[in-house]
Amino acid sequence: MHSERSTAESRLTICTTCADGQGQALLEAVENEALARDLPLAIHGQACMAACKQSCTAALQGPGKHSYLFGQLQPDDACVDALLDVAAQHAEPGHGLLAWDRRPERLKAGLVARLPPLG
């Protein structure tokens, strides 16, 4: 399953080759929950995001927004909820900065990188 329904300005990309199938399981869980919640979020799978020591990994990107790479994720309800919550925050108008106090607890420790917007 590959979700292309997006009116939001953010894209969530999940590594599909992480941790012997755990990444693919995370992608499917996030896609299913986004559909259940009827969230307009672009969700994509990507083979190897080159953060293998941090697996499972997911990235948030958007035009004119900061990009984030999160690691140490699991295909469980807590991670799925956290990824969908932070993706909604990232899609809000602005530069995509995720305030520490609004970031889901599950994603505070797993931040691998934050990159500034291009331009």
PDB file of N, CA and C in Angstrom:
ATOM      1  N   MET A   1       0.843  -1.175   0.000  1.00  0.00           N
ATOM      2  CA  MET A   1       0.000   0.000   0.000  1.00  0.00           C
ATOM      3  C   MET A   1       0.885   1.233   0.000  1.00  0.00           C
ATOM      4  N   HIS A   2       0.500   2.217  -0.800  1.00  0.00           N
ATOM      5  CA  HIS A   2       1.298   3.421  -0.958  1.00  0.00           C
ATOM      6  C   HIS A   2       0.337   4.590  -0.985  1.00  0.00           C
ATOM      7  N   SER A   3       0.416   5.466  -0.010  1.00  0.00           N
ATOM      8  CA  SER A   3      -0.542   6.553   0.120  1.00  0.00           C
ATOM      9  C   SER A   3      -0.059   7.795  -0.617  1.00  0.00           C
ATOM     10  N   GLU A   4      -0.875   8.287  -1.543  1.00  0.00           N
ATOM     11  CA  GLU A   4      -0.552   9.500  -2.278  1.00  0.00           C
ATOM     12  C   GLU A   4      -1.540  10.617  -1.968  1.00  0.00           C
ATOM     13  N   ARG A   5      -2.521  10.380  -1.082  1.00  0.00           N
ATOM     14  CA  ARG A   5      -3.535  11.381  -0.796  1.00  0.00           C
ATOM     15  C   ARG A   5      -2.918  12.475   0.044  1.00  0.00           C
ATOM     16  N   SER A   6      -2.666  13.616  -0.547  1.00  0.00           N
ATOM     17  CA  SER A   6      -2.043  14.652   0.268  1.00  0.00           C
ATOM     18  C   SER A   6      -2.535  16.036  -0.103  1.00  0.00           C
ATOM     19  N   THR A   7      -3.051  16.716   0.883  1.00  0.00           N
ATOM     20  CA  THR A   7      -3.310  18.138   0.738  1.00  0.00           C
ATOM     21  C   THR A   7      -2.369  18.881   1.664  1.00  0.00           C
ATOM     22  N   ALA A   8      -1.631  18.163   2.449  1.00  0.00           N
ATOM     23  CA  ALA A   8      -0.708  18.752   3.416  1.00  0.00           C
ATOM     24  C   ALA A   8       0.611  19.104   2.738  1.00  0.00           C
ATOM     25  N   GLU A   9       1.393  19.888   3.424  1.00  0.00           N
ATOM     26  CA  GLU A   9       2.690  20.300   2.906  1.00  0.00           C
ATOM     27  C   GLU A   9       3.822  19.480   3.524  1.00  0.00           C
ATOM     28  N   SER A  10       3.532  18.271   3.934  1.00  0.00           N
ATOM     29  CA  SER A  10       4.557  17.419   4.531  1.00  0.00           C
ATOM     30  C   SER A  10       4.492  16.039   3.923  1.00  0.00           C
ATOM     31  N   ARG A  11       5.628  15.379   3.971  1.00  0.00           N
ATOM     32  CA  ARG A  11       5.731  14.016   3.471  1.00  0.00           C
ATOM     33  C   ARG A  11       6.460  13.193   4.528  1.00  0.00           C
ATOM     34  N   LEU A  12       5.898  12.043   4.842  1.00  0.00           N
ATOM     35  CA  LEU A  12       6.500  11.111   5.784  1.00  0.00           C
ATOM     36  C   LEU A  12       7.061   9.950   4.985  1.00  0.00           C
ATOM     37  N   THR A  13       8.367   9.710   5.114  1.00  0.00           N
ATOM     38  CA  THR A  13       9.024   8.615   4.408  1.00  0.00           C
ATOM     39  C   THR A  13       9.580   7.652   5.446  1.00  0.00           C
ATOM     40  N   ILE A  14       9.262   6.381   5.278  1.00  0.00           N
ATOM     41  CA  ILE A  14       9.685   5.357   6.229  1.00  0.00           C
ATOM     42  C   ILE A  14      10.573   4.349   5.514  1.00  0.00           C
ATOM     43  N   CYS A  15      11.703   4.036   6.135  1.00  0.00           N
ATOM     44  CA  CYS A  15      12.631   3.060   5.563  1.00  0.00           C
ATOM     45  C   CYS A  15      11.989   1.675   5.586  1.00  0.00           C
ATOM     46  N   THR A  16      11.905   1.051   4.427  1.00  0.00           N
ATOM     47  CA  THR A  16      11.250  -0.252   4.328  1.00  0.00           C
ATOM     48  C   THR A  16      12.192  -1.418   4.558  1.00  0.00           C
ATOM     49  N   THR A  17      13.493  -1.164   4.564  1.00  0.00           N
ATOM     50  CA  THR A  17      14.447  -2.266   4.713  1.00  0.00           C
ATOM     51  C   THR A  17      15.062  -2.335   6.106  1.00  0.00           C
ATOM     52  N   CYS A  18      14.626  -1.498   7.006  1.00  0.00           N
ATOM     53  CA  CYS A  18      15.147  -1.486   8.374  1.00  0.00           C
ATOM     54  C   CYS A  18      14.788  -2.764   9.130  1.00  0.00           C
ATOM     55  N   ALA A  19      15.732  -3.239   9.895  1.00  0.00           N
ATOM     56  CA  ALA A  19      15.521  -4.255  10.931  1.00  0.00           C
ATOM     57  C   ALA A  19      14.735  -5.473  10.465  1.00  0.00           C
ATOM     58  N   ASP A  20      15.200  -6.070   9.390  1.00  0.00           N
ATOM     59  CA  ASP A  20      14.613  -7.340   8.923  1.00  0.00           C
ATOM     60  C   ASP A  20      13.096  -7.322   8.838  1.00  0.00           C
ATOM     61  N   GLY A  21      12.559  -6.343   8.136  1.00  0.00           N
ATOM     62  CA  GLY A  21      11.118  -6.282   7.921  1.00  0.00           C
ATOM     63  C   GLY A  21      10.361  -5.398   8.875  1.00  0.00           C
ATOM     64  N   GLN A  22      10.995  -4.926   9.938  1.00  0.00           N
ATOM     65  CA  GLN A  22      10.304  -4.060  10.892  1.00  0.00           C
ATOM     66  C   GLN A  22       9.949  -2.715  10.260  1.00  0.00           C
ATOM     67  N   GLY A  23      10.800  -2.228   9.361  1.00  0.00           N
ATOM     68  CA  GLY A  23      10.515  -0.968   8.678  1.00  0.00           C
ATOM     69  C   GLY A  23       9.278  -1.073   7.800  1.00  0.00           C
ATOM     70  N   GLN A  24       9.172  -2.162   7.054  1.00  0.00           N
ATOM     71  CA  GLN A  24       7.993  -2.382   6.219  1.00  0.00           C
ATOM     72  C   GLN A  24       6.744  -2.499   7.083  1.00  0.00           C
ATOM     73  N   ALA A  25       6.859  -3.170   8.202  1.00  0.00           N
ATOM     74  CA  ALA A  25       5.723  -3.300   9.126  1.00  0.00           C
ATOM     75  C   ALA A  25       5.315  -1.935   9.677  1.00  0.00           C
ATOM     76  N   LEU A  26       6.303  -1.078   9.979  1.00  0.00           N
ATOM     77  CA  LEU A  26       6.011   0.270  10.462  1.00  0.00           C
ATOM     78  C   LEU A  26       5.297   1.070   9.382  1.00  0.00           C
ATOM     79  N   LEU A  27       5.790   0.999   8.150  1.00  0.00           N
ATOM     80  CA  LEU A  27       5.148   1.705   7.039  1.00  0.00           C
ATOM     81  C   LEU A  27       3.686   1.296   6.907  1.00  0.00           C
ATOM     82  N   GLU A  28       3.428   0.007   6.911  1.00  0.00           N
ATOM     83  CA  GLU A  28       2.059  -0.484   6.752  1.00  0.00           C
ATOM     84  C   GLU A  28       1.171  -0.053   7.913  1.00  0.00           C
ATOM     85  N   ALA A  29       1.705  -0.083   9.119  1.00  0.00           N
ATOM     86  CA  ALA A  29       0.925   0.334  10.288  1.00  0.00           C
ATOM     87  C   ALA A  29       0.587   1.821  10.216  1.00  0.00           C
ATOM     88  N   VAL A  30       1.542   2.644   9.801  1.00  0.00           N
ATOM     89  CA  VAL A  30       1.309   4.084   9.683  1.00  0.00           C
ATOM     90  C   VAL A  30       0.292   4.359   8.576  1.00  0.00           C
ATOM     91  N   GLU A  31       0.446   3.706   7.441  1.00  0.00           N
ATOM     92  CA  GLU A  31      -0.513   3.895   6.348  1.00  0.00           C
ATOM     93  C   GLU A  31      -1.927   3.509   6.775  1.00  0.00           C
ATOM     94  N   ASN A  32      -2.059   2.375   7.427  1.00  0.00           N
ATOM     95  CA  ASN A  32      -3.381   1.908   7.855  1.00  0.00           C
ATOM     96  C   ASN A  32      -4.022   2.860   8.855  1.00  0.00           C
ATOM     97  N   GLU A  33      -3.240   3.350   9.805  1.00  0.00           N
ATOM     98  CA  GLU A  33      -3.790   4.266  10.801  1.00  0.00           C
ATOM     99  C   GLU A  33      -4.130   5.618  10.182  1.00  0.00           C
ATOM    100  N   ALA A  34      -3.308   6.092   9.244  1.00  0.00           N
ATOM    101  CA  ALA A  34      -3.610   7.358   8.555  1.00  0.00           C
ATOM    102  C   ALA A  34      -4.918   7.234   7.774  1.00  0.00           C
ATOM    103  N   LEU A  35      -5.124   6.100   7.132  1.00  0.00           N
ATOM    104  CA  LEU A  35      -6.388   5.870   6.418  1.00  0.00           C
ATOM    105  C   LEU A  35      -7.559   5.810   7.388  1.00  0.00           C
ATOM    106  N   ALA A  36      -7.379   5.131   8.508  1.00  0.00           N
ATOM    107  CA  ALA A  36      -8.450   5.011   9.505  1.00  0.00           C
ATOM    108  C   ALA A  36      -8.837   6.380  10.061  1.00  0.00           C
ATOM    109  N   ARG A  37      -7.840   7.262  10.197  1.00  0.00           N
ATOM    110  CA  ARG A  37      -8.097   8.612  10.718  1.00  0.00           C
ATOM    111  C   ARG A  37      -8.460   9.601   9.613  1.00  0.00           C
ATOM    112  N   ASP A  38      -8.409   9.160   8.353  1.00  0.00           N
ATOM    113  CA  ASP A  38      -8.682   9.997   7.189  1.00  0.00           C
ATOM    114  C   ASP A  38      -7.767  11.223   7.165  1.00  0.00           C
ATOM    115  N   LEU A  39      -6.478  10.981   7.407  1.00  0.00           N
ATOM    116  CA  LEU A  39      -5.491  12.061   7.421  1.00  0.00           C
ATOM    117  C   LEU A  39      -4.956  12.318   6.017  1.00  0.00           C
ATOM    118  N   PRO A  40      -4.910  13.571   5.598  1.00  0.00           N
ATOM    119  CA  PRO A  40      -4.355  13.910   4.285  1.00  0.00           C
ATOM    120  C   PRO A  40      -2.833  14.028   4.350  1.00  0.00           C
ATOM    121  N   LEU A  41      -2.165  12.910   4.445  1.00  0.00           N
ATOM    122  CA  LEU A  41      -0.720  12.887   4.629  1.00  0.00           C
ATOM    123  C   LEU A  41      -0.077  12.033   3.552  1.00  0.00           C
ATOM    124  N   ALA A  42       0.935  12.569   2.898  1.00  0.00           N
ATOM    125  CA  ALA A  42       1.704  11.800   1.922  1.00  0.00           C
ATOM    126  C   ALA A  42       2.636  10.867   2.695  1.00  0.00           C
ATOM    127  N   ILE A  43       2.492   9.576   2.474  1.00  0.00           N
ATOM    128  CA  ILE A  43       3.300   8.571   3.159  1.00  0.00           C
ATOM    129  C   ILE A  43       3.978   7.718   2.093  1.00  0.00           C
ATOM    130  N   HIS A  44       5.278   7.567   2.223  1.00  0.00           N
ATOM    131  CA  HIS A  44       6.041   6.817   1.229  1.00  0.00           C
ATOM    132  C   HIS A  44       7.000   5.864   1.915  1.00  0.00           C
ATOM    133  N   GLY A  45       7.298   4.779   1.241  1.00  0.00           N
ATOM    134  CA  GLY A  45       8.338   3.864   1.688  1.00  0.00           C
ATOM    135  C   GLY A  45       9.582   4.111   0.861  1.00  0.00           C
ATOM    136  N   GLN A  46      10.735   3.906   1.469  1.00  0.00           N
ATOM    137  CA  GLN A  46      12.014   4.082   0.787  1.00  0.00           C
ATOM    138  C   GLN A  46      12.962   2.986   1.243  1.00  0.00           C
ATOM    139  N   ALA A  47      13.516   2.274   0.286  1.00  0.00           N
ATOM    140  CA  ALA A  47      14.495   1.246   0.633  1.00  0.00           C
ATOM    141  C   ALA A  47      15.784   1.927   1.093  1.00  0.00           C
ATOM    142  N   CYS A  48      16.249   1.577   2.230  1.00  0.00           N
ATOM    143  CA  CYS A  48      17.483   2.033   2.869  1.00  0.00           C
ATOM    144  C   CYS A  48      17.665   3.544   2.879  1.00  0.00           C
ATOM    145  N   MET A  49      17.506   4.101   4.041  1.00  0.00           N
ATOM    146  CA  MET A  49      17.732   5.527   4.249  1.00  0.00           C
ATOM    147  C   MET A  49      19.102   5.766   4.900  1.00  0.00           C
ATOM    148  N   ALA A  50      19.937   4.741   4.922  1.00  0.00           N
ATOM    149  CA  ALA A  50      21.339   4.831   5.346  1.00  0.00           C
ATOM    150  C   ALA A  50      21.533   5.266   6.789  1.00  0.00           C
ATOM    151  N   ALA A  51      20.617   4.881   7.644  1.00  0.00           N
ATOM    152  CA  ALA A  51      20.763   5.134   9.080  1.00  0.00           C
ATOM    153  C   ALA A  51      20.578   3.807   9.811  1.00  0.00           C
ATOM    154  N   CYS A  52      21.220   2.787   9.316  1.00  0.00           N
ATOM    155  CA  CYS A  52      20.998   1.410   9.778  1.00  0.00           C
ATOM    156  C   CYS A  52      21.225   1.225  11.276  1.00  0.00           C
ATOM    157  N   LYS A  53      22.171   1.938  11.846  1.00  0.00           N
ATOM    158  CA  LYS A  53      22.420   1.804  13.288  1.00  0.00           C
ATOM    159  C   LYS A  53      21.318   2.443  14.115  1.00  0.00           C
ATOM    160  N   GLN A  54      20.417   3.188  13.475  1.00  0.00           N
ATOM    161  CA  GLN A  54      19.317   3.855  14.162  1.00  0.00           C
ATOM    162  C   GLN A  54      17.960   3.232  13.825  1.00  0.00           C
ATOM    163  N   SER A  55      17.972   2.085  13.160  1.00  0.00           N
ATOM    164  CA  SER A  55      16.711   1.540  12.633  1.00  0.00           C
ATOM    165  C   SER A  55      15.730   1.200  13.748  1.00  0.00           C
ATOM    166  N   CYS A  56      14.492   1.356  13.388  1.00  0.00           N
ATOM    167  CA  CYS A  56      13.826   1.776  12.155  1.00  0.00           C
ATOM    168  C   CYS A  56      13.845   3.300  12.059  1.00  0.00           C
ATOM    169  N   THR A  57      13.825   3.815  10.818  1.00  0.00           N
ATOM    170  CA  THR A  57      13.904   5.249  10.634  1.00  0.00           C
ATOM    171  C   THR A  57      12.731   5.784   9.813  1.00  0.00           C
ATOM    172  N   ALA A  58      12.442   7.072  10.034  1.00  0.00           N
ATOM    173  CA  ALA A  58      11.407   7.775   9.289  1.00  0.00           C
ATOM    174  C   ALA A  58      11.836   9.227   9.142  1.00  0.00           C
ATOM    175  N   ALA A  59      11.478   9.834   8.016  1.00  0.00           N
ATOM    176  CA  ALA A  59      11.836  11.223   7.740  1.00  0.00           C
ATOM    177  C   ALA A  59      10.593  12.053   7.469  1.00  0.00           C
ATOM    178  N   LEU A  60      10.640  13.296   7.881  1.00  0.00           N
ATOM    179  CA  LEU A  60       9.607  14.284   7.568  1.00  0.00           C
ATOM    180  C   LEU A  60      10.240  15.359   6.709  1.00  0.00           C
ATOM    181  N   GLN A  61       9.593  15.678   5.582  1.00  0.00           N
ATOM    182  CA  GLN A  61      10.093  16.697   4.677  1.00  0.00           C
ATOM    183  C   GLN A  61       8.923  17.507   4.131  1.00  0.00           C
ATOM    184  N   GLY A  62       9.200  18.704   3.690  1.00  0.00           N
ATOM    185  CA  GLY A  62       8.199  19.529   3.045  1.00  0.00           C
ATOM    186  C   GLY A  62       8.853  20.740   2.420  1.00  0.00           C
ATOM    187  N   PRO A  63       8.238  21.281   1.358  1.00  0.00           N
ATOM    188  CA  PRO A  63       8.799  22.458   0.703  1.00  0.00           C
ATOM    189  C   PRO A  63       8.933  23.625   1.677  1.00  0.00           C
ATOM    190  N   GLY A  64      10.134  24.187   1.772  1.00  0.00           N
ATOM    191  CA  GLY A  64      10.373  25.330   2.637  1.00  0.00           C
ATOM    192  C   GLY A  64      10.363  25.000   4.120  1.00  0.00           C
ATOM    193  N   LYS A  65      10.435  23.723   4.455  1.00  0.00           N
ATOM    194  CA  LYS A  65      10.359  23.300   5.856  1.00  0.00           C
ATOM    195  C   LYS A  65      11.646  22.595   6.277  1.00  0.00           C
ATOM    196  N   HIS A  66      11.914  22.627   7.579  1.00  0.00           N
ATOM    197  CA  HIS A  66      13.000  21.825   8.123  1.00  0.00           C
ATOM    198  C   HIS A  66      12.668  20.352   7.888  1.00  0.00           C
ATOM    199  N   SER A  67      13.693  19.550   7.642  1.00  0.00           N
ATOM    200  CA  SER A  67      13.532  18.107   7.495  1.00  0.00           C
ATOM    201  C   SER A  67      14.040  17.425   8.749  1.00  0.00           C
ATOM    202  N   TYR A  68      13.385  16.342   9.111  1.00  0.00           N
ATOM    203  CA  TYR A  68      13.746  15.588  10.310  1.00  0.00           C
ATOM    204  C   TYR A  68      13.945  14.126   9.962  1.00  0.00           C
ATOM    205  N   LEU A  69      14.906  13.494  10.609  1.00  0.00           N
ATOM    206  CA  LEU A  69      15.099  12.053  10.516  1.00  0.00           C
ATOM    207  C   LEU A  69      15.039  11.493  11.929  1.00  0.00           C
ATOM    208  N   PHE A  70      14.083  10.607  12.149  1.00  0.00           N
ATOM    209  CA  PHE A  70      13.906   9.959  13.445  1.00  0.00           C
ATOM    210  C   PHE A  70      14.342   8.508  13.340  1.00  0.00           C
ATOM    211  N   GLY A  71      14.963   8.001  14.399  1.00  0.00           N
ATOM    212  CA  GLY A  71      15.395   6.619  14.432  1.00  0.00           C
ATOM    213  C   GLY A  71      14.937   5.930  15.699  1.00  0.00           C
ATOM    214  N   GLN A  72      15.323   4.664  15.804  1.00  0.00           N
ATOM    215  CA  GLN A  72      15.006   3.824  16.958  1.00  0.00           C
ATOM    216  C   GLN A  72      13.497   3.656  17.124  1.00  0.00           C
ATOM    217  N   LEU A  73      12.808   3.506  15.988  1.00  0.00           N
ATOM    218  CA  LEU A  73      11.354   3.343  15.986  1.00  0.00           C
ATOM    219  C   LEU A  73      10.993   1.864  15.943  1.00  0.00           C
ATOM    220  N   GLN A  74       9.778   1.575  16.335  1.00  0.00           N
ATOM    221  CA  GLN A  74       9.242   0.214  16.328  1.00  0.00           C
ATOM    222  C   GLN A  74       7.875   0.245  15.640  1.00  0.00           C
ATOM    223  N   PRO A  75       7.458  -0.856  15.043  1.00  0.00           N
ATOM    224  CA  PRO A  75       6.125  -0.891  14.437  1.00  0.00           C
ATOM    225  C   PRO A  75       5.046  -1.140  15.488  1.00  0.00           C
ATOM    226  N   ASP A  76       4.973  -0.261  16.480  1.00  0.00           N
ATOM    227  CA  ASP A  76       3.977  -0.419  17.543  1.00  0.00           C
ATOM    228  C   ASP A  76       3.067   0.810  17.580  1.00  0.00           C
ATOM    229  N   ASP A  77       2.003   0.723  18.359  1.00  0.00           N
ATOM    230  CA  ASP A  77       1.015   1.803  18.410  1.00  0.00           C
ATOM    231  C   ASP A  77       1.621   3.127  18.857  1.00  0.00           C
ATOM    232  N   ALA A  78       2.551   3.085  19.800  1.00  0.00           N
ATOM    233  CA  ALA A  78       3.155   4.321  20.300  1.00  0.00           C
ATOM    234  C   ALA A  78       3.913   5.059  19.198  1.00  0.00           C
ATOM    235  N   CYS A  79       4.678   4.340  18.401  1.00  0.00           N
ATOM    236  CA  CYS A  79       5.429   4.971  17.315  1.00  0.00           C
ATOM    237  C   CYS A  79       4.503   5.452  16.206  1.00  0.00           C
ATOM    238  N   VAL A  80       3.507   4.650  15.877  1.00  0.00           N
ATOM    239  CA  VAL A  80       2.554   5.047  14.840  1.00  0.00           C
ATOM    240  C   VAL A  80       1.868   6.345  15.245  1.00  0.00           C
ATOM    241  N   ASP A  81       1.348   6.408  16.462  1.00  0.00           N
ATOM    242  CA  ASP A  81       0.691   7.619  16.951  1.00  0.00           C
ATOM    243  C   ASP A  81       1.644   8.807  16.953  1.00  0.00           C
ATOM    244  N   ALA A  82       2.868   8.587  17.418  1.00  0.00           N
ATOM    245  CA  ALA A  82       3.849   9.668  17.490  1.00  0.00           C
ATOM    246  C   ALA A  82       4.179  10.199  16.095  1.00  0.00           C
ATOM    247  N   LEU A  83       4.381   9.303  15.130  1.00  0.00           N
ATOM    248  CA  LEU A  83       4.706   9.745  13.775  1.00  0.00           C
ATOM    249  C   LEU A  83       3.555  10.528  13.146  1.00  0.00           C
ATOM    250  N   LEU A  84       2.339  10.066  13.342  1.00  0.00           N
ATOM    251  CA  LEU A  84       1.193  10.783  12.783  1.00  0.00           C
ATOM    252  C   LEU A  84       0.992  12.130  13.473  1.00  0.00           C
ATOM    253  N   ASP A  85       1.201  12.187  14.773  1.00  0.00           N
ATOM    254  CA  ASP A  85       1.074  13.447  15.504  1.00  0.00           C
ATOM    255  C   ASP A  85       2.121  14.463  15.051  1.00  0.00           C
ATOM    256  N   VAL A  86       3.360  14.027  14.931  1.00  0.00           N
ATOM    257  CA  VAL A  86       4.425  14.953  14.555  1.00  0.00           C
ATOM    258  C   VAL A  86       4.288  15.353  13.081  1.00  0.00           C
ATOM    259  N   ALA A  87       3.775  14.474  12.243  1.00  0.00           N
ATOM    260  CA  ALA A  87       3.545  14.825  10.841  1.00  0.00           C
ATOM    261  C   ALA A  87       2.480  15.912  10.728  1.00  0.00           C
ATOM    262  N   ALA A  88       1.453  15.843  11.564  1.00  0.00           N
ATOM    263  CA  ALA A  88       0.419  16.879  11.571  1.00  0.00           C
ATOM    264  C   ALA A  88       1.012  18.216  12.008  1.00  0.00           C
ATOM    265  N   GLN A  89       1.890  18.199  12.996  1.00  0.00           N
ATOM    266  CA  GLN A  89       2.552  19.432  13.435  1.00  0.00           C
ATOM    267  C   GLN A  89       3.415  20.006  12.313  1.00  0.00           C
ATOM    268  N   HIS A  90       4.153  19.129  11.651  1.00  0.00           N
ATOM    269  CA  HIS A  90       5.061  19.539  10.577  1.00  0.00           C
ATOM    270  C   HIS A  90       4.295  20.160   9.414  1.00  0.00           C
ATOM    271  N   ALA A  91       3.076  19.703   9.175  1.00  0.00           N
ATOM    272  CA  ALA A  91       2.261  20.191   8.060  1.00  0.00           C
ATOM    273  C   ALA A  91       1.643  21.559   8.336  1.00  0.00           C
ATOM    274  N   GLU A  92       1.680  22.006   9.580  1.00  0.00           N
ATOM    275  CA  GLU A  92       1.125  23.319   9.912  1.00  0.00           C
ATOM    276  C   GLU A  92       1.892  24.409   9.162  1.00  0.00           C
ATOM    277  N   PRO A  93       1.255  25.545   8.904  1.00  0.00           N
ATOM    278  CA  PRO A  93       1.961  26.639   8.236  1.00  0.00           C
ATOM    279  C   PRO A  93       3.232  27.030   8.991  1.00  0.00           C
ATOM    280  N   GLY A  94       4.247  27.395   8.249  1.00  0.00           N
ATOM    281  CA  GLY A  94       5.515  27.790   8.856  1.00  0.00           C
ATOM    282  C   GLY A  94       6.667  27.007   8.288  1.00  0.00           C
ATOM    283  N   HIS A  95       7.775  27.035   9.007  1.00  0.00           N
ATOM    284  CA  HIS A  95       9.018  26.425   8.535  1.00  0.00           C
ATOM    285  C   HIS A  95       9.219  24.984   8.990  1.00  0.00           C
ATOM    286  N   GLY A  96       8.205  24.406   9.599  1.00  0.00           N
ATOM    287  CA  GLY A  96       8.291  23.009   9.990  1.00  0.00           C
ATOM    288  C   GLY A  96       9.115  22.730  11.225  1.00  0.00           C
ATOM    289  N   LEU A  97       9.443  23.746  11.997  1.00  0.00           N
ATOM    290  CA  LEU A  97      10.174  23.498  13.240  1.00  0.00           C
ATOM    291  C   LEU A  97       9.255  22.803  14.232  1.00  0.00           C
ATOM    292  N   LEU A  98       9.725  21.717  14.789  1.00  0.00           N
ATOM    293  CA  LEU A  98       8.944  20.941  15.751  1.00  0.00           C
ATOM    294  C   LEU A  98       9.373  21.334  17.160  1.00  0.00           C
ATOM    295  N   ALA A  99       8.517  22.054  17.831  1.00  0.00           N
ATOM    296  CA  ALA A  99       8.831  22.495  19.193  1.00  0.00           C
ATOM    297  C   ALA A  99       9.017  21.289  20.105  1.00  0.00           C
ATOM    298  N   TRP A 100      10.049  21.342  20.922  1.00  0.00           N
ATOM    299  CA  TRP A 100      10.373  20.228  21.822  1.00  0.00           C
ATOM    300  C   TRP A 100       9.192  19.866  22.711  1.00  0.00           C
ATOM    301  N   ASP A 101       8.517  20.870  23.266  1.00  0.00           N
ATOM    302  CA  ASP A 101       7.434  20.601  24.206  1.00  0.00           C
ATOM    303  C   ASP A 101       6.177  20.054  23.528  1.00  0.00           C
ATOM    304  N   ARG A 102       6.061  20.199  22.218  1.00  0.00           N
ATOM    305  CA  ARG A 102       4.914  19.646  21.486  1.00  0.00           C
ATOM    306  C   ARG A 102       5.240  18.302  20.839  1.00  0.00           C
ATOM    307  N   ARG A 103       6.525  17.969  20.779  1.00  0.00           N
ATOM    308  CA  ARG A 103       6.934  16.728  20.130  1.00  0.00           C
ATOM    309  C   ARG A 103       6.494  15.539  20.979  1.00  0.00           C
ATOM    310  N   PRO A 104       5.932  14.508  20.340  1.00  0.00           N
ATOM    311  CA  PRO A 104       5.547  13.315  21.102  1.00  0.00           C
ATOM    312  C   PRO A 104       6.748  12.743  21.865  1.00  0.00           C
ATOM    313  N   GLU A 105       6.509  12.322  23.079  1.00  0.00           N
ATOM    314  CA  GLU A 105       7.567  11.812  23.952  1.00  0.00           C
ATOM    315  C   GLU A 105       8.397  10.735  23.248  1.00  0.00           C
ATOM    316  N   ARG A 106       7.742   9.884  22.498  1.00  0.00           N
ATOM    317  CA  ARG A 106       8.410   8.768  21.827  1.00  0.00           C
ATOM    318  C   ARG A 106       9.447   9.239  20.809  1.00  0.00           C
ATOM    319  N   LEU A 107       9.319  10.481  20.306  1.00  0.00           N
ATOM    320  CA  LEU A 107      10.238  10.973  19.282  1.00  0.00           C
ATOM    321  C   LEU A 107      11.285  11.948  19.810  1.00  0.00           C
ATOM    322  N   LYS A 108      11.302  12.199  21.101  1.00  0.00           N
ATOM    323  CA  LYS A 108      12.299  13.115  21.655  1.00  0.00           C
ATOM    324  C   LYS A 108      13.684  12.487  21.690  1.00  0.00           C
ATOM    325  N   ALA A 109      13.773  11.220  22.003  1.00  0.00           N
ATOM    326  CA  ALA A 109      15.077  10.556  22.125  1.00  0.00           C
ATOM    327  C   ALA A 109      15.612  10.053  20.788  1.00  0.00           C
ATOM    328  N   GLY A 110      14.748   9.826  19.818  1.00  0.00           N
ATOM    329  CA  GLY A 110      15.170   9.200  18.575  1.00  0.00           C
ATOM    330  C   GLY A 110      15.520  10.141  17.439  1.00  0.00           C
ATOM    331  N   LEU A 111      15.690  11.429  17.720  1.00  0.00           N
ATOM    332  CA  LEU A 111      16.022  12.351  16.650  1.00  0.00           C
ATOM    333  C   LEU A 111      17.442  12.107  16.165  1.00  0.00           C
ATOM    334  N   VAL A 112      17.602  11.820  14.881  1.00  0.00           N
ATOM    335  CA  VAL A 112      18.918  11.584  14.280  1.00  0.00           C
ATOM    336  C   VAL A 112      19.447  12.872  13.666  1.00  0.00           C
ATOM    337  N   ALA A 113      18.576  13.624  12.989  1.00  0.00           N
ATOM    338  CA  ALA A 113      19.017  14.853  12.331  1.00  0.00           C
ATOM    339  C   ALA A 113      17.852  15.799  12.080  1.00  0.00           C
ATOM    340  N   ARG A 114      18.165  17.093  12.078  1.00  0.00           N
ATOM    341  CA  ARG A 114      17.250  18.138  11.622  1.00  0.00           C
ATOM    342  C   ARG A 114      18.027  18.981  10.630  1.00  0.00           C
ATOM    343  N   LEU A 115      17.480  19.106   9.435  1.00  0.00           N
ATOM    344  CA  LEU A 115      18.145  19.864   8.375  1.00  0.00           C
ATOM    345  C   LEU A 115      17.340  21.104   8.049  1.00  0.00           C
ATOM    346  N   PRO A 116      17.997  22.238   7.806  1.00  0.00           N
ATOM    347  CA  PRO A 116      17.258  23.454   7.494  1.00  0.00           C
ATOM    348  C   PRO A 116      16.636  23.375   6.098  1.00  0.00           C
ATOM    349  N   PRO A 117      15.619  24.204   5.861  1.00  0.00           N
ATOM    350  CA  PRO A 117      15.024  24.223   4.532  1.00  0.00           C
ATOM    351  C   PRO A 117      16.009  24.748   3.485  1.00  0.00           C
ATOM    352  N   LEU A 118      15.821  24.328   2.267  1.00  0.00           N
ATOM    353  CA  LEU A 118      16.626  24.861   1.169  1.00  0.00           C
ATOM    354  C   LEU A 118      16.151  26.276   0.865  1.00  0.00           C
ATOM    355  N   GLY A 119      17.070  27.085   0.432  1.00  0.00           N
ATOM    356  CA  GLY A 119      16.676  28.419  -0.014  1.00  0.00           C
ATOM    357  C   GLY A 119      16.883  29.467   0.918  1.00  0.00           C
TER     358      GLY A 119
END
